[in-house]
Protein backbone atom coordinates (compact mmCIF):
# COMPACT_ATOMS: atom_id res chain seq x y z
CA MET A 1 -13.35 25.38 21.83
CA SER A 2 -14.60 22.06 20.40
CA GLY A 3 -12.15 19.20 20.13
CA GLN A 4 -10.09 20.46 23.07
CA THR A 5 -9.90 19.69 26.75
CA ALA A 6 -8.67 21.53 29.78
CA PRO A 7 -5.12 20.73 30.85
CA ASN A 8 -4.55 18.47 33.83
CA SER A 9 -1.51 16.76 35.33
CA SER A 10 -2.61 13.19 34.51
CA SER A 11 -3.25 14.01 30.85
CA LYS A 12 0.06 15.83 30.57
CA LYS A 13 1.90 12.85 32.11
CA ALA A 14 0.15 10.39 29.76
CA LEU A 15 1.20 12.49 26.76
CA GLY A 16 4.86 12.41 27.73
CA GLY A 17 4.94 15.90 29.20
CA ILE A 18 2.91 17.54 26.41
CA ALA A 19 0.13 19.81 27.65
CA PRO A 20 -3.28 18.73 26.29
CA THR A 21 -4.41 22.30 25.52
CA GLY A 22 -5.08 22.66 21.80
CA LEU A 23 -5.26 18.90 21.16
CA HIS A 24 -8.20 16.94 19.80
CA ALA A 25 -10.10 15.39 22.71
CA ASP A 26 -10.50 12.00 21.00
CA THR A 27 -6.72 11.50 20.91
CA ILE A 28 -6.06 12.16 24.61
CA ASN A 29 -5.67 9.18 26.98
CA LYS A 30 -6.99 6.84 24.27
CA LEU A 31 -5.50 3.38 23.68
CA ASN A 32 -6.01 0.75 21.02
CA ALA A 33 -7.02 -2.86 21.75
CA ARG A 34 -3.44 -3.82 22.68
CA GLY A 35 -2.83 -0.79 24.91
CA MET A 36 -0.89 1.37 22.45
CA PRO A 37 -1.56 5.11 22.89
CA TYR A 38 -3.03 7.23 20.13
CA ALA A 39 -0.87 10.07 18.90
CA PRO A 40 -2.24 13.46 20.06
CA PHE A 41 -3.48 15.58 17.17
CA VAL A 42 -2.92 19.33 17.35
CA THR A 43 -6.09 21.22 16.45
CA ASN A 44 -4.96 24.70 17.51
CA VAL A 45 -1.24 25.32 17.26
CA ASP A 46 -1.38 28.72 18.95
CA ASP A 47 -3.12 27.38 22.08
CA PHE A 48 -0.99 24.24 22.09
CA VAL A 49 2.32 26.08 21.93
CA GLY A 50 1.23 28.69 24.46
CA GLY A 51 0.79 31.86 22.46
CA GLN A 52 2.73 33.99 20.02
CA GLU A 53 5.60 34.59 22.42
CA ALA A 54 6.22 30.92 23.31
CA GLY A 55 9.10 28.86 21.94
CA VAL A 56 8.59 25.70 19.95
CA GLU A 57 11.93 23.94 20.57
CA GLY A 58 10.63 21.93 23.52
CA VAL A 59 7.47 20.94 21.66
CA MET A 60 9.41 19.81 18.60
CA LYS A 61 11.71 17.74 20.80
CA LYS A 62 8.73 16.03 22.44
CA PHE A 63 7.29 15.26 19.01
CA GLU A 64 10.58 13.72 17.91
CA GLU A 65 10.73 11.58 21.08
CA MET A 66 7.18 10.28 20.62
CA THR A 67 7.78 9.55 16.94
CA ALA A 68 10.95 7.64 17.85
CA LYS A 69 8.96 5.53 20.34
CA TYR A 70 6.38 4.68 17.70
CA ARG A 71 9.10 3.73 15.24
CA TYR A 72 10.78 1.55 17.88
CA MET A 73 7.51 -0.31 18.48
CA GLU A 74 7.07 -0.64 14.72
CA VAL A 75 10.49 -2.27 14.31
CA ASN A 76 9.76 -4.75 17.12
CA LEU A 77 6.39 -5.67 15.63
CA GLN A 78 7.92 -6.13 12.19
CA GLN A 79 10.36 -8.63 13.68
CA LYS A 80 7.50 -10.36 15.47
CA ARG A 81 5.50 -10.56 12.25
CA LYS A 82 8.42 -12.12 10.39
CA GLY A 83 8.83 -14.71 13.13
CA LEU A 84 5.13 -15.60 13.05
CA GLU A 85 5.09 -15.83 9.26
CA VAL A 86 7.85 -18.46 9.52
CA LYS A 87 6.34 -20.20 12.54
CA ILE A 88 2.78 -20.62 11.27
CA PRO A 89 3.63 -22.74 8.16
CA ASP A 90 5.86 -24.97 10.31
CA ILE A 91 3.08 -25.56 12.85
CA SER A 92 0.57 -26.16 10.07
CA LYS A 93 2.78 -28.73 8.34
CA THR A 94 3.50 -30.49 11.63
CA LEU A 95 -0.22 -30.59 12.42
CA ASP A 96 -0.98 -32.11 9.01
CA VAL A 97 1.61 -34.85 9.54
CA VAL A 98 0.38 -35.68 13.05
CA ARG A 99 -3.24 -35.78 11.91
CA PHE A 100 -2.31 -38.08 9.06
CA LEU A 101 -0.51 -40.43 11.44
CA GLU A 102 -3.52 -40.39 13.75
CA ALA A 103 -5.92 -41.09 10.88
CA ARG A 104 -3.77 -44.01 9.75
CA ARG A 105 -3.75 -45.44 13.28
CA CYS A 106 -7.49 -44.84 13.74
CA LYS A 107 -8.22 -46.80 10.57
CA ARG A 108 -6.19 -49.70 11.86
CA LEU A 109 -7.95 -49.63 15.24
CA GLY A 110 -11.40 -48.84 13.85
CA THR A 111 -11.75 -45.55 15.73
CA LYS A 112 -12.37 -41.95 14.67
CA PRO A 113 -9.70 -39.24 14.44
CA THR A 114 -9.65 -36.37 16.92
CA THR A 115 -12.05 -33.54 16.13
CA ILE A 116 -10.45 -30.13 16.49
CA PRO A 117 -12.69 -27.98 18.72
CA LYS A 118 -13.72 -24.52 17.64
CA GLN A 119 -11.85 -21.73 19.37
CA PRO A 120 -13.98 -19.76 21.87
CA LYS A 121 -14.95 -16.27 20.80
CA ASN A 122 -13.39 -13.40 22.71
CA ASP A 123 -15.59 -10.49 23.75
CA ASP A 124 -12.97 -7.96 22.61
CA GLU A 125 -12.78 -9.33 19.06
CA PRO A 126 -15.14 -8.32 16.25
CA GLU A 127 -17.50 -10.92 14.83
CA SER A 128 -15.50 -11.16 11.60
CA GLU A 129 -12.32 -12.15 13.47
CA ALA A 130 -14.08 -14.83 15.51
CA ASP A 131 -15.73 -16.16 12.35
CA GLU A 132 -12.31 -16.32 10.69
CA ASP A 133 -11.01 -18.49 13.54
CA ASP A 134 -14.02 -20.77 13.24
CA ALA A 135 -13.47 -21.08 9.49
CA ALA A 136 -9.84 -22.00 10.08
CA SER A 137 -10.86 -24.68 12.58
CA GLU A 138 -13.46 -26.10 10.22
CA ALA A 139 -10.99 -26.09 7.33
CA SER A 140 -8.46 -28.03 9.39
CA ASP A 141 -11.10 -30.50 10.64
CA ASP A 142 -11.15 -32.65 7.50
CA SER A 143 -11.21 -36.14 8.99
CA GLU A 144 -12.90 -37.65 5.96
CA ASP A 145 -10.27 -36.27 3.61
CA LEU A 146 -7.53 -37.64 5.84
CA MET A 147 -9.10 -41.08 5.82
CA ASP A 148 -9.30 -40.91 2.01
CA GLU A 149 -5.59 -40.08 1.87
CA VAL A 150 -4.85 -43.08 4.08
CA ASP A 151 -6.93 -45.31 1.79
CA GLU A 152 -5.08 -44.04 -1.27
CA LEU A 153 -1.70 -44.65 0.37
CA ASP A 154 -2.69 -48.16 1.39
CA ALA A 155 -4.05 -48.84 -2.10
CA GLU A 156 -0.73 -47.84 -3.65
CA ASP A 157 1.38 -49.87 -1.22
CA ALA A 158 -0.80 -52.92 -0.67
CA GLU A 159 -0.36 -55.98 -2.86
CA GLU A 160 -3.19 -58.08 -4.23
CA GLY A 161 -3.94 -61.25 -2.29
CA PRO A 162 -4.01 -62.30 1.35
CA GLU A 163 -0.75 -60.45 2.12
CA SER A 164 -2.42 -57.06 1.72
CA ASP A 165 -3.57 -56.90 5.37
CA VAL A 166 -0.07 -57.71 6.54
CA LYS A 167 1.32 -55.11 4.19
CA SER A 168 -0.90 -52.40 5.65
CA ARG A 169 0.50 -53.09 9.12
CA ASN A 170 4.10 -52.57 7.98
CA PRO A 171 5.96 -49.41 9.11
CA LEU A 172 5.12 -46.25 7.22
CA LYS A 173 7.77 -45.39 4.65
CA THR A 174 8.32 -41.70 4.04
CA LEU A 175 10.94 -39.08 3.19
CA TYR A 176 12.32 -36.55 5.62
CA GLU A 177 14.31 -33.43 4.88
CA LEU A 178 18.00 -33.40 5.70
CA ASN A 179 18.68 -30.09 3.96
CA ASP A 180 16.87 -27.71 1.65
CA THR A 181 17.33 -30.01 -1.34
CA LEU A 182 18.34 -33.27 0.32
CA PHE A 183 15.89 -35.95 1.50
CA ALA A 184 16.32 -39.42 2.95
CA GLU A 185 13.97 -42.37 3.25
CA ALA A 186 12.83 -43.51 6.68
CA GLU A 187 10.49 -46.08 8.23
CA VAL A 188 8.18 -44.75 10.93
CA GLU A 189 7.35 -47.20 13.70
CA GLU A 190 3.84 -46.18 14.76
CA ASP A 191 3.05 -46.69 18.43
CA GLY A 192 0.42 -43.99 18.91
CA ASN A 193 2.88 -41.37 20.15
CA VAL A 194 4.79 -38.56 18.50
CA GLY A 195 7.69 -36.39 19.66
CA LEU A 196 7.16 -32.63 19.39
CA TRP A 197 10.10 -30.25 19.39
CA LEU A 198 9.26 -27.44 21.80
CA GLY A 199 12.50 -25.50 21.43
CA ALA A 200 15.23 -24.76 23.97
CA ASN A 201 16.65 -28.26 23.37
CA THR A 202 13.40 -29.80 24.62
CA MET A 203 11.32 -32.53 23.00
CA LEU A 204 8.30 -34.18 24.60
CA LEU A 205 6.43 -37.35 23.67
CA TYR A 206 2.68 -36.86 23.22
CA PRO A 207 -0.15 -39.25 22.34
CA LEU A 208 -1.36 -38.49 18.84
CA ASN A 209 -4.73 -37.10 19.95
CA GLU A 210 -3.10 -34.77 22.50
CA ALA A 211 -0.55 -33.65 19.92
CA VAL A 212 -3.35 -32.77 17.49
CA LEU A 213 -5.15 -30.67 20.10
CA LEU A 214 -1.94 -28.96 21.22
CA LEU A 215 -0.80 -28.09 17.71
CA SER A 216 -4.25 -26.89 16.62
CA GLU A 217 -4.39 -24.57 19.65
CA LYS A 218 -0.87 -23.27 18.97
CA LEU A 219 -1.77 -22.69 15.32
CA SER A 220 -4.92 -20.76 16.21
CA VAL A 221 -3.04 -18.61 18.75
CA ALA A 222 -0.26 -17.90 16.24
CA LYS A 223 -2.73 -16.89 13.52
CA ARG A 224 -4.58 -14.58 15.90
CA SER A 225 -1.29 -13.07 17.06
CA LEU A 226 -0.24 -12.47 13.45
CA ARG A 227 -3.54 -10.76 12.69
CA HIS A 228 -3.21 -8.52 15.74
CA THR A 229 0.40 -7.74 14.85
CA LYS A 230 -0.60 -6.62 11.36
CA GLU A 231 -3.36 -4.45 12.84
CA ASP A 232 -0.93 -2.87 15.30
CA LEU A 233 1.58 -2.17 12.52
CA GLU A 234 -1.10 -0.36 10.55
CA PHE A 235 -2.07 1.52 13.71
CA LEU A 236 1.53 2.59 14.33
CA ARG A 237 1.93 3.83 10.75
CA GLU A 238 -1.12 6.03 11.25
CA GLN A 239 0.23 7.42 14.53
CA ILE A 240 3.61 8.15 12.97
CA THR A 241 1.83 10.02 10.19
CA VAL A 242 -0.14 12.04 12.76
CA MET A 243 3.07 12.98 14.58
CA GLU A 244 4.70 14.03 11.30
CA VAL A 245 1.66 16.20 10.53
CA ASN A 246 1.86 17.74 14.01
CA PHE A 247 5.55 18.46 13.53
CA ALA A 248 4.89 20.11 10.16
CA ARG A 249 2.01 22.21 11.50
CA VAL A 250 4.02 23.54 14.45
CA HIS A 251 7.04 24.19 12.23
CA ASN A 252 4.94 26.05 9.64
CA TRP A 253 3.25 28.02 12.42
CA ASP A 254 6.65 29.04 13.77
CA VAL A 255 7.87 30.09 10.30
CA LYS A 256 4.70 32.10 9.71
CA ARG A 257 5.09 33.80 13.09
CA MET A 258 8.69 34.76 12.33
CA ILE A 259 7.68 36.19 8.96
CA GLU A 260 4.90 38.23 10.58
CA VAL A 261 7.32 39.53 13.21
CA ASP A 262 9.82 40.49 10.53
CA MET A 263 7.11 42.20 8.49
CA CYS A 264 5.96 44.17 11.51
CA ALA A 265 9.52 45.24 12.28
CA PHE A 266 10.02 46.23 8.64
CA THR A 267 6.79 48.25 8.66
CA ASP A 268 7.70 50.00 11.89
CA GLU A 269 11.09 50.89 10.43
CA ILE A 270 9.51 52.42 7.35
CA ASN A 271 7.05 54.42 9.43
CA PHE A 272 9.89 55.69 11.61
CA ASP A 273 11.87 56.82 8.59
CA VAL A 274 8.86 58.64 7.20
CA LEU A 275 8.26 60.41 10.47
């Protein structure tokens, strides 16, 4: 029968104890890019269950267990997605601030800001995904725009006359957030280093160019992880749907079998009365 495969112990173990007879061959021992198993699709309920005389309670229980596992993975990935959706804007804002500080220092020293390298393409990623990473790197590599922002800031703060050069070397005045709606003014003493909060009560001091490279790499990894998480969530929804369809097909098959048995018993009873 097409779409089916002969049962074997390894396939049965991979499917959580479900025999592969009556299942579509493309859904057996198949994993997605992140190693998540495809849900087995029942093509022939009669062969899968084991014939008209077999019970379906064990099969239904296995379906419920597999569906519960998929739902558990879905909940974990939803939490991961929420964390990444909060983390990515924070990294992006931090990267923008560090790049601005570096551009301001580079203008003072007459050097060029750090160029963010393009992320290497992975063999297991489609071309569109790799191109998206390249586009993100190119979008963030806007050194000329940063230098223009520095010029505008200096133009607003500098005074006319010979004191303008001295003014441009004064500490950078900015606002920092104390609370959601509360800000305070601060003067930033620029020495070419920046402290990055790494979590777990840990902060490290990085040179500006190293901080730019580190944050850009973290941002690229976080964006790729978010994209993969969204793909896996869509994959899990499809597998849950397949398991629900399997459950419904086996249940309907069992109901139909019971009706046929009852009809046969009713027919035999009528024939017996006639005789």
